[in-house]
Amino acid sequence: MKKANKTKVTCRPCKEENNWEIEAPNGKVLSKHYNTKSECVKAGRQYAAECGATLYIEDYDKK
């Protein structure tokens, strides 16, 4: 199990739903999910700025 980076906010596709989610620096996924990647990245960018964290975008839609 990898250790969560305390200065990282991650936008990624949700594993259970066909939408996007944001993982907070503490490793927990925020309850709000987003319909599109662009909506998620916009919210993630703002959240990362508020936390003083770096934004990472995981995109694994190529299976």
Protein backbone atom coordinates (compact mmCIF):
# COMPACT_ATOMS: atom_id res chain seq x y z
CA MET A 1 0.00 0.00 0.00
CA LYS A 2 1.50 3.32 -0.98
CA LYS A 3 1.73 6.20 1.44
CA ALA A 4 -0.36 9.27 0.60
CA ASN A 5 1.59 12.37 -0.35
CA LYS A 6 0.45 15.05 2.09
CA THR A 7 0.91 17.83 -0.48
CA LYS A 8 -0.99 16.22 -3.35
CA VAL A 9 -4.56 16.60 -4.60
CA THR A 10 -5.49 14.04 -7.26
CA CYS A 11 -8.25 14.17 -9.87
CA ARG A 12 -9.03 10.72 -11.23
CA PRO A 13 -11.77 8.60 -12.76
CA CYS A 14 -13.99 6.97 -10.14
CA LYS A 15 -13.60 3.18 -10.00
CA GLU A 16 -17.26 2.48 -9.15
CA GLU A 17 -19.08 5.12 -11.20
CA ASN A 18 -18.69 6.62 -14.64
CA ASN A 19 -17.54 9.99 -13.30
CA TRP A 20 -14.55 11.78 -11.72
CA GLU A 21 -13.47 12.21 -8.10
CA ILE A 22 -10.96 14.22 -6.09
CA GLU A 23 -8.59 12.63 -3.58
CA ALA A 24 -7.56 15.01 -0.79
CA PRO A 25 -3.99 15.27 0.56
CA ASN A 26 -4.99 13.02 3.50
CA GLY A 27 -5.85 10.19 1.06
CA LYS A 28 -9.62 10.45 1.46
CA VAL A 29 -11.91 10.89 -1.54
CA LEU A 30 -14.21 13.90 -1.40
CA SER A 31 -17.93 13.07 -1.43
CA LYS A 32 -18.71 15.25 -4.47
CA HIS A 33 -18.09 13.60 -7.84
CA TYR A 34 -17.98 15.30 -11.24
CA ASN A 35 -19.52 14.31 -14.58
CA THR A 36 -16.55 15.42 -16.69
CA LYS A 37 -12.79 15.53 -16.39
CA SER A 38 -12.76 19.30 -16.99
CA GLU A 39 -15.24 19.96 -14.14
CA CYS A 40 -13.15 17.83 -11.81
CA VAL A 41 -9.86 19.47 -12.79
CA LYS A 42 -11.33 22.95 -12.31
CA ALA A 43 -12.57 22.07 -8.81
CA GLY A 44 -9.37 20.16 -8.04
CA ARG A 45 -7.22 23.12 -9.05
CA GLN A 46 -9.16 25.40 -6.69
CA TYR A 47 -9.05 22.84 -3.86
CA ALA A 48 -5.30 22.31 -4.30
CA ALA A 49 -4.70 26.08 -4.18
CA GLU A 50 -6.70 26.32 -0.93
CA CYS A 51 -4.70 23.44 0.59
CA GLY A 52 -1.33 24.65 -0.68
CA ALA A 53 -0.98 21.35 -2.52
CA THR A 54 0.09 20.23 -5.99
CA LEU A 55 -2.60 19.04 -8.42
CA TYR A 56 -2.12 15.68 -10.12
CA ILE A 57 -4.42 14.31 -12.81
CA GLU A 58 -4.70 10.55 -13.28
CA ASP A 59 -6.27 9.54 -16.55
CA TYR A 60 -6.56 5.82 -17.14
CA ASP A 61 -9.41 5.64 -19.60
CA LYS A 62 -7.30 3.60 -22.04
CA LYS A 63 -7.96 -0.04 -21.14
